[in-house]
Amino acid sequence: MRAVVQRVRQASVSVGGEVLAAIEEGLLVLLGVGQQDGEEDARYLADKLVNLRIFEDAEGKMNRSVLETGGAVLVVSQFTLFGDCRKGRRPSFVGAAEPGRAEELYQELVGEIQRKGVPVKTGRFKAMMDVALINNGPVTLLIDSKKVF
């Protein structure tokens, strides 16, 4: 699984002008699911997200997690994170999981975050979505359950 994680003051996702979900302080997670991903990747990523110490403490240091701050997580599916742009001018998405399996693992991740006690909201799987955010910092991180950058 690949995630672009952004620390936000607020974020929302809309389809056709209708706001589906919105959060205040927390994390916006753009999530891609790959062909090789499984439940262990969802568990790993959920644990990493809720415990990632990227929120400031009283001294201004990144030392607190979304779990500790009482923030929320907005998870938006984005298969294009598995786009391979190395050849030609059009990305290849052969590394992305097929939609049915991707949605299962997307829902597994969401459930894991909820079970860890963090409020989580989602976009609409396979929909054309508009995502709005106010990035706090800005703080943006890349997480891949299969490799280290």
N, C-alpha and C. Protein backbone atom coordinates (compact mmCIF):
# COMPACT_ATOMS: atom_id res chain seq x y z
N MET A 1 0.85 -1.17 0.00
CA MET A 1 0.00 0.00 0.00
C MET A 1 0.89 1.23 0.00
N ARG A 2 0.44 2.21 -0.72
CA ARG A 2 1.16 3.47 -0.77
C ARG A 2 0.22 4.56 -0.28
N ALA A 3 0.79 5.47 0.49
CA ALA A 3 -0.01 6.57 1.02
C ALA A 3 0.76 7.87 0.94
N VAL A 4 0.06 8.90 0.52
CA VAL A 4 0.54 10.27 0.67
C VAL A 4 -0.22 10.79 1.88
N VAL A 5 0.52 11.14 2.92
CA VAL A 5 -0.07 11.55 4.19
C VAL A 5 0.20 13.03 4.39
N GLN A 6 -0.87 13.79 4.60
CA GLN A 6 -0.73 15.21 4.81
C GLN A 6 -1.35 15.60 6.15
N ARG A 7 -0.58 16.33 6.95
CA ARG A 7 -1.11 16.88 8.20
C ARG A 7 -1.95 18.09 7.81
N VAL A 8 -3.21 18.10 8.23
CA VAL A 8 -4.12 19.15 7.77
C VAL A 8 -4.80 19.87 8.93
N ARG A 9 -5.16 21.11 8.67
CA ARG A 9 -6.03 21.86 9.58
C ARG A 9 -7.48 21.49 9.30
N GLN A 10 -7.75 21.22 8.01
CA GLN A 10 -9.05 20.71 7.60
C GLN A 10 -8.93 20.12 6.21
N ALA A 11 -9.82 19.18 5.91
CA ALA A 11 -9.84 18.55 4.59
C ALA A 11 -11.25 18.05 4.32
N SER A 12 -11.59 17.98 3.03
CA SER A 12 -12.90 17.46 2.65
C SER A 12 -12.80 16.79 1.30
N VAL A 13 -13.77 15.93 1.03
CA VAL A 13 -13.86 15.26 -0.27
C VAL A 13 -15.29 15.40 -0.77
N SER A 14 -15.42 15.73 -2.06
CA SER A 14 -16.72 15.96 -2.67
C SER A 14 -16.85 15.17 -3.96
N VAL A 15 -18.08 14.83 -4.28
CA VAL A 15 -18.41 14.21 -5.57
C VAL A 15 -19.57 15.00 -6.15
N GLY A 16 -19.39 15.50 -7.36
CA GLY A 16 -20.45 16.25 -8.02
C GLY A 16 -20.93 17.45 -7.23
N GLY A 17 -20.03 18.11 -6.51
CA GLY A 17 -20.38 19.29 -5.74
C GLY A 17 -20.95 18.99 -4.35
N GLU A 18 -21.19 17.71 -4.04
CA GLU A 18 -21.72 17.31 -2.73
C GLU A 18 -20.57 16.87 -1.84
N VAL A 19 -20.46 17.51 -0.67
CA VAL A 19 -19.42 17.13 0.28
C VAL A 19 -19.80 15.80 0.92
N LEU A 20 -18.95 14.80 0.71
CA LEU A 20 -19.18 13.47 1.28
C LEU A 20 -18.65 13.36 2.70
N ALA A 21 -17.50 13.96 2.94
CA ALA A 21 -16.86 13.85 4.24
C ALA A 21 -15.94 15.03 4.44
N ALA A 22 -15.79 15.43 5.70
CA ALA A 22 -14.90 16.53 6.06
C ALA A 22 -14.35 16.29 7.45
N ILE A 23 -13.11 16.71 7.66
CA ILE A 23 -12.49 16.64 8.98
C ILE A 23 -11.86 17.99 9.30
N GLU A 24 -11.63 18.20 10.56
CA GLU A 24 -10.83 19.35 11.01
C GLU A 24 -9.40 18.84 11.17
N GLU A 25 -8.72 19.19 12.26
CA GLU A 25 -7.32 18.80 12.41
C GLU A 25 -7.15 17.27 12.33
N GLY A 26 -6.14 16.87 11.58
CA GLY A 26 -5.86 15.45 11.45
C GLY A 26 -5.00 15.14 10.25
N LEU A 27 -5.31 14.00 9.63
CA LEU A 27 -4.53 13.52 8.49
C LEU A 27 -5.42 13.29 7.28
N LEU A 28 -4.98 13.78 6.13
CA LEU A 28 -5.57 13.41 4.85
C LEU A 28 -4.65 12.33 4.28
N VAL A 29 -5.23 11.18 3.96
CA VAL A 29 -4.45 10.06 3.44
C VAL A 29 -4.97 9.71 2.05
N LEU A 30 -4.12 9.90 1.05
CA LEU A 30 -4.41 9.45 -0.31
C LEU A 30 -3.83 8.05 -0.40
N LEU A 31 -4.66 7.06 -0.67
CA LEU A 31 -4.27 5.66 -0.55
C LEU A 31 -4.33 4.91 -1.87
N GLY A 32 -3.22 4.26 -2.20
CA GLY A 32 -3.17 3.37 -3.35
C GLY A 32 -2.93 1.95 -2.89
N VAL A 33 -3.61 1.00 -3.50
CA VAL A 33 -3.47 -0.41 -3.16
C VAL A 33 -2.83 -1.13 -4.35
N GLY A 34 -1.76 -1.86 -4.08
CA GLY A 34 -1.04 -2.56 -5.13
C GLY A 34 -1.42 -4.03 -5.24
N GLN A 35 -1.04 -4.64 -6.35
CA GLN A 35 -1.35 -6.05 -6.60
C GLN A 35 -0.80 -6.97 -5.53
N GLN A 36 0.32 -6.64 -4.94
CA GLN A 36 0.97 -7.51 -3.96
C GLN A 36 0.51 -7.27 -2.54
N ASP A 37 -0.40 -6.33 -2.34
CA ASP A 37 -0.82 -5.96 -0.99
C ASP A 37 -1.84 -6.94 -0.41
N GLY A 38 -1.81 -7.05 0.93
CA GLY A 38 -2.74 -7.90 1.64
C GLY A 38 -3.15 -7.27 2.96
N GLU A 39 -3.83 -8.05 3.78
CA GLU A 39 -4.32 -7.56 5.06
C GLU A 39 -3.19 -7.06 5.96
N GLU A 40 -2.03 -7.71 5.89
CA GLU A 40 -0.91 -7.28 6.73
C GLU A 40 -0.45 -5.87 6.37
N ASP A 41 -0.58 -5.50 5.09
CA ASP A 41 -0.22 -4.15 4.67
C ASP A 41 -1.20 -3.13 5.25
N ALA A 42 -2.48 -3.49 5.27
CA ALA A 42 -3.50 -2.60 5.84
C ALA A 42 -3.27 -2.41 7.34
N ARG A 43 -2.95 -3.49 8.04
CA ARG A 43 -2.69 -3.40 9.48
C ARG A 43 -1.44 -2.56 9.76
N TYR A 44 -0.39 -2.81 8.99
CA TYR A 44 0.86 -2.04 9.14
C TYR A 44 0.60 -0.55 8.93
N LEU A 45 -0.07 -0.23 7.84
CA LEU A 45 -0.29 1.18 7.51
C LEU A 45 -1.21 1.85 8.52
N ALA A 46 -2.25 1.17 8.97
CA ALA A 46 -3.15 1.75 9.97
C ALA A 46 -2.38 2.07 11.25
N ASP A 47 -1.55 1.13 11.69
CA ASP A 47 -0.76 1.35 12.89
C ASP A 47 0.19 2.53 12.70
N LYS A 48 0.83 2.58 11.56
CA LYS A 48 1.77 3.67 11.27
C LYS A 48 1.04 5.01 11.27
N LEU A 49 -0.13 5.08 10.64
CA LEU A 49 -0.87 6.34 10.55
C LEU A 49 -1.30 6.87 11.90
N VAL A 50 -1.89 6.03 12.73
CA VAL A 50 -2.43 6.52 14.00
C VAL A 50 -1.32 6.85 15.00
N ASN A 51 -0.14 6.27 14.84
CA ASN A 51 0.95 6.49 15.79
C ASN A 51 2.07 7.38 15.28
N LEU A 52 1.98 7.84 14.05
CA LEU A 52 3.01 8.68 13.45
C LEU A 52 3.07 10.01 14.20
N ARG A 53 4.23 10.32 14.76
CA ARG A 53 4.39 11.51 15.59
C ARG A 53 4.76 12.71 14.73
N ILE A 54 3.74 13.34 14.15
CA ILE A 54 3.97 14.49 13.27
C ILE A 54 3.19 15.73 13.69
N PHE A 55 2.56 15.67 14.87
CA PHE A 55 1.86 16.84 15.40
C PHE A 55 2.70 17.45 16.51
N GLU A 56 2.66 18.76 16.61
CA GLU A 56 3.52 19.46 17.56
C GLU A 56 3.07 19.29 19.00
N ASP A 57 4.06 19.22 19.87
CA ASP A 57 3.80 19.20 21.31
C ASP A 57 3.85 20.64 21.82
N ALA A 58 3.83 20.82 23.14
CA ALA A 58 3.83 22.16 23.74
C ALA A 58 5.10 22.94 23.42
N GLU A 59 6.17 22.24 23.08
CA GLU A 59 7.43 22.89 22.76
C GLU A 59 7.62 23.10 21.26
N GLY A 60 6.60 22.78 20.46
CA GLY A 60 6.68 22.99 19.02
C GLY A 60 7.41 21.90 18.27
N LYS A 61 7.68 20.77 18.92
CA LYS A 61 8.37 19.66 18.25
C LYS A 61 7.35 18.64 17.78
N MET A 62 7.63 18.02 16.63
CA MET A 62 6.75 16.96 16.13
C MET A 62 6.92 15.75 17.03
N ASN A 63 5.99 15.61 17.97
CA ASN A 63 6.16 14.59 19.00
C ASN A 63 4.84 13.93 19.39
N ARG A 64 3.75 14.27 18.69
CA ARG A 64 2.44 13.74 19.05
C ARG A 64 1.78 13.12 17.81
N SER A 65 0.97 12.11 18.05
CA SER A 65 0.27 11.41 16.96
C SER A 65 -1.16 11.92 16.84
N VAL A 66 -1.83 11.53 15.78
CA VAL A 66 -3.24 11.89 15.60
C VAL A 66 -4.08 11.24 16.70
N LEU A 67 -3.67 10.10 17.18
CA LEU A 67 -4.35 9.45 18.29
C LEU A 67 -4.25 10.30 19.56
N GLU A 68 -3.07 10.86 19.81
CA GLU A 68 -2.86 11.68 21.00
C GLU A 68 -3.53 13.04 20.92
N THR A 69 -3.65 13.60 19.72
CA THR A 69 -4.22 14.95 19.57
C THR A 69 -5.74 14.93 19.50
N GLY A 70 -6.33 13.74 19.31
CA GLY A 70 -7.78 13.66 19.15
C GLY A 70 -8.24 14.07 17.76
N GLY A 71 -7.33 14.04 16.80
CA GLY A 71 -7.66 14.38 15.43
C GLY A 71 -8.37 13.25 14.71
N ALA A 72 -8.65 13.47 13.44
CA ALA A 72 -9.35 12.49 12.61
C ALA A 72 -8.52 12.19 11.37
N VAL A 73 -8.93 11.16 10.65
CA VAL A 73 -8.27 10.76 9.41
C VAL A 73 -9.31 10.73 8.30
N LEU A 74 -8.97 11.33 7.16
CA LEU A 74 -9.79 11.26 5.95
C LEU A 74 -9.01 10.43 4.94
N VAL A 75 -9.56 9.27 4.56
CA VAL A 75 -8.88 8.37 3.63
C VAL A 75 -9.58 8.44 2.27
N VAL A 76 -8.80 8.73 1.24
CA VAL A 76 -9.31 8.87 -0.13
C VAL A 76 -8.56 7.89 -1.02
N SER A 77 -9.29 7.02 -1.70
CA SER A 77 -8.63 6.06 -2.59
C SER A 77 -8.03 6.77 -3.78
N GLN A 78 -6.83 6.33 -4.18
CA GLN A 78 -6.15 6.94 -5.31
C GLN A 78 -5.24 5.92 -5.98
N PHE A 79 -5.81 5.16 -6.91
CA PHE A 79 -5.04 4.11 -7.58
C PHE A 79 -3.87 4.68 -8.36
N THR A 80 -3.92 5.98 -8.70
CA THR A 80 -2.85 6.57 -9.50
C THR A 80 -1.52 6.61 -8.76
N LEU A 81 -1.53 6.33 -7.45
CA LEU A 81 -0.26 6.25 -6.73
C LEU A 81 0.58 5.07 -7.21
N PHE A 82 -0.04 4.15 -7.94
CA PHE A 82 0.69 3.03 -8.53
C PHE A 82 0.96 3.26 -10.01
N GLY A 83 0.83 4.50 -10.46
CA GLY A 83 1.14 4.83 -11.84
C GLY A 83 2.65 4.76 -12.08
N ASP A 84 3.05 4.09 -13.14
CA ASP A 84 4.45 3.97 -13.51
C ASP A 84 4.67 4.86 -14.73
N CYS A 85 5.47 5.91 -14.55
CA CYS A 85 5.70 6.90 -15.60
C CYS A 85 7.07 6.78 -16.25
N ARG A 86 7.75 5.67 -16.02
CA ARG A 86 9.11 5.54 -16.52
C ARG A 86 9.19 5.42 -18.04
N LYS A 87 8.18 4.86 -18.67
CA LYS A 87 8.22 4.69 -20.13
C LYS A 87 7.07 5.46 -20.75
N GLY A 88 7.33 6.04 -21.90
CA GLY A 88 6.28 6.74 -22.64
C GLY A 88 5.78 7.97 -21.91
N ARG A 89 4.59 8.41 -22.36
CA ARG A 89 4.02 9.64 -21.81
C ARG A 89 2.72 9.40 -21.06
N ARG A 90 2.24 8.19 -21.10
CA ARG A 90 1.01 7.84 -20.37
C ARG A 90 1.38 6.86 -19.26
N PRO A 91 0.93 7.14 -18.03
CA PRO A 91 1.25 6.22 -16.94
C PRO A 91 0.64 4.84 -17.15
N SER A 92 1.34 3.83 -16.69
CA SER A 92 0.83 2.46 -16.68
C SER A 92 0.38 2.16 -15.26
N PHE A 93 -0.78 1.54 -15.13
CA PHE A 93 -1.32 1.24 -13.81
C PHE A 93 -1.38 -0.27 -13.54
N VAL A 94 -0.51 -1.02 -14.21
CA VAL A 94 -0.53 -2.48 -14.05
C VAL A 94 -0.16 -2.92 -12.64
N GLY A 95 0.51 -2.06 -11.87
CA GLY A 95 0.88 -2.41 -10.51
C GLY A 95 -0.25 -2.23 -9.50
N ALA A 96 -1.32 -1.54 -9.90
CA ALA A 96 -2.45 -1.32 -9.00
C ALA A 96 -3.29 -2.59 -8.87
N ALA A 97 -3.84 -2.79 -7.70
CA ALA A 97 -4.72 -3.94 -7.47
C ALA A 97 -6.00 -3.79 -8.27
N GLU A 98 -6.62 -4.91 -8.62
CA GLU A 98 -7.91 -4.84 -9.30
C GLU A 98 -8.93 -4.21 -8.34
N PRO A 99 -9.92 -3.50 -8.87
CA PRO A 99 -10.82 -2.70 -8.02
C PRO A 99 -11.49 -3.45 -6.87
N GLY A 100 -11.97 -4.66 -7.08
CA GLY A 100 -12.63 -5.39 -6.00
C GLY A 100 -11.70 -5.65 -4.83
N ARG A 101 -10.50 -6.12 -5.12
CA ARG A 101 -9.53 -6.40 -4.07
C ARG A 101 -9.05 -5.11 -3.42
N ALA A 102 -8.85 -4.08 -4.24
CA ALA A 102 -8.41 -2.79 -3.70
C ALA A 102 -9.44 -2.23 -2.71
N GLU A 103 -10.71 -2.35 -3.05
CA GLU A 103 -11.74 -1.83 -2.15
C GLU A 103 -11.78 -2.62 -0.84
N GLU A 104 -11.59 -3.94 -0.92
CA GLU A 104 -11.54 -4.76 0.31
C GLU A 104 -10.43 -4.28 1.25
N LEU A 105 -9.25 -4.05 0.69
CA LEU A 105 -8.12 -3.64 1.52
C LEU A 105 -8.26 -2.19 1.99
N TYR A 106 -8.86 -1.36 1.17
CA TYR A 106 -9.18 0.02 1.56
C TYR A 106 -10.09 -0.01 2.79
N GLN A 107 -11.14 -0.82 2.74
CA GLN A 107 -12.07 -0.93 3.86
C GLN A 107 -11.40 -1.55 5.08
N GLU A 108 -10.48 -2.49 4.87
CA GLU A 108 -9.73 -3.08 5.97
C GLU A 108 -8.91 -2.01 6.68
N LEU A 109 -8.24 -1.16 5.93
CA LEU A 109 -7.46 -0.07 6.51
C LEU A 109 -8.35 0.85 7.33
N VAL A 110 -9.47 1.24 6.76
CA VAL A 110 -10.41 2.14 7.45
C VAL A 110 -10.88 1.50 8.76
N GLY A 111 -11.24 0.22 8.72
CA GLY A 111 -11.68 -0.48 9.92
C GLY A 111 -10.59 -0.56 10.98
N GLU A 112 -9.36 -0.79 10.55
CA GLU A 112 -8.23 -0.86 11.49
C GLU A 112 -8.02 0.49 12.19
N ILE A 113 -8.12 1.57 11.44
CA ILE A 113 -7.96 2.90 12.03
C ILE A 113 -9.07 3.13 13.07
N GLN A 114 -10.30 2.78 12.72
CA GLN A 114 -11.42 2.93 13.66
C GLN A 114 -11.19 2.10 14.92
N ARG A 115 -10.75 0.86 14.76
CA ARG A 115 -10.52 -0.01 15.90
C ARG A 115 -9.44 0.52 16.84
N LYS A 116 -8.55 1.34 16.30
CA LYS A 116 -7.49 1.93 17.11
C LYS A 116 -7.96 3.19 17.82
N GLY A 117 -9.23 3.58 17.62
CA GLY A 117 -9.80 4.70 18.35
C GLY A 117 -9.71 6.05 17.70
N VAL A 118 -9.39 6.09 16.41
CA VAL A 118 -9.29 7.37 15.71
C VAL A 118 -10.50 7.51 14.77
N PRO A 119 -11.21 8.63 14.85
CA PRO A 119 -12.31 8.85 13.90
C PRO A 119 -11.78 8.86 12.47
N VAL A 120 -12.49 8.18 11.59
CA VAL A 120 -12.05 8.12 10.19
C VAL A 120 -13.23 8.33 9.27
N LYS A 121 -13.00 9.10 8.22
CA LYS A 121 -14.00 9.35 7.19
C LYS A 121 -13.39 8.98 5.86
N THR A 122 -14.26 8.79 4.86
CA THR A 122 -13.76 8.33 3.56
C THR A 122 -14.42 9.08 2.41
N GLY A 123 -13.76 8.94 1.27
CA GLY A 123 -14.36 9.38 0.03
C GLY A 123 -15.23 8.25 -0.51
N ARG A 124 -15.50 8.27 -1.80
CA ARG A 124 -16.29 7.22 -2.44
C ARG A 124 -15.38 6.45 -3.38
N PHE A 125 -15.23 5.18 -3.12
CA PHE A 125 -14.33 4.34 -3.90
C PHE A 125 -14.76 4.35 -5.36
N LYS A 126 -13.79 4.49 -6.27
CA LYS A 126 -13.96 4.50 -7.73
C LYS A 126 -14.72 5.71 -8.26
N ALA A 127 -14.91 6.74 -7.46
CA ALA A 127 -15.61 7.94 -7.93
C ALA A 127 -14.59 9.01 -8.32
N MET A 128 -15.01 9.92 -9.21
CA MET A 128 -14.21 11.10 -9.52
C MET A 128 -14.47 12.09 -8.39
N MET A 129 -13.45 12.37 -7.61
CA MET A 129 -13.61 13.18 -6.40
C MET A 129 -12.81 14.48 -6.49
N ASP A 130 -13.30 15.47 -5.77
CA ASP A 130 -12.57 16.72 -5.54
C ASP A 130 -12.14 16.71 -4.08
N VAL A 131 -10.86 16.92 -3.85
CA VAL A 131 -10.32 16.93 -2.50
C VAL A 131 -9.82 18.34 -2.20
N ALA A 132 -10.27 18.88 -1.07
CA ALA A 132 -9.84 20.20 -0.63
C ALA A 132 -9.14 20.05 0.71
N LEU A 133 -8.09 20.85 0.92
CA LEU A 133 -7.39 20.75 2.18
C LEU A 133 -6.65 22.03 2.50
N ILE A 134 -6.41 22.21 3.78
CA ILE A 134 -5.46 23.22 4.25
C ILE A 134 -4.35 22.42 4.93
N ASN A 135 -3.22 22.34 4.23
CA ASN A 135 -2.08 21.57 4.71
C ASN A 135 -1.43 22.35 5.84
N ASN A 136 -1.19 21.69 6.95
CA ASN A 136 -0.63 22.31 8.14
C ASN A 136 0.87 22.06 8.17
N GLY A 137 1.65 23.10 7.96
CA GLY A 137 3.10 22.97 8.02
C GLY A 137 3.80 23.67 6.87
N PRO A 138 3.74 23.17 5.68
CA PRO A 138 3.12 21.92 5.27
C PRO A 138 3.93 20.70 5.70
N VAL A 139 3.21 19.66 6.06
CA VAL A 139 3.81 18.38 6.39
C VAL A 139 3.18 17.35 5.46
N THR A 140 4.00 16.76 4.60
CA THR A 140 3.54 15.74 3.66
C THR A 140 4.58 14.62 3.65
N LEU A 141 4.10 13.38 3.83
CA LEU A 141 4.98 12.23 3.89
C LEU A 141 4.49 11.14 2.93
N LEU A 142 5.44 10.34 2.46
CA LEU A 142 5.14 9.18 1.63
C LEU A 142 5.39 7.93 2.48
N ILE A 143 4.43 7.02 2.49
CA ILE A 143 4.59 5.76 3.19
C ILE A 143 4.25 4.63 2.23
N ASP A 144 5.10 3.64 2.17
CA ASP A 144 4.87 2.47 1.34
C ASP A 144 5.10 1.25 2.22
N SER A 145 4.09 0.39 2.32
CA SER A 145 4.20 -0.78 3.20
C SER A 145 5.22 -1.80 2.69
N LYS A 146 5.66 -1.67 1.45
CA LYS A 146 6.59 -2.64 0.86
C LYS A 146 8.03 -2.18 0.80
N LYS A 147 8.30 -0.87 0.92
CA LYS A 147 9.67 -0.43 0.77
C LYS A 147 9.95 0.82 1.58
N VAL A 148 11.23 1.10 1.74
CA VAL A 148 11.68 2.28 2.42
C VAL A 148 12.20 3.24 1.37
N PHE A 149 11.87 4.49 1.50
CA PHE A 149 12.35 5.49 0.53
C PHE A 149 13.74 5.93 0.86
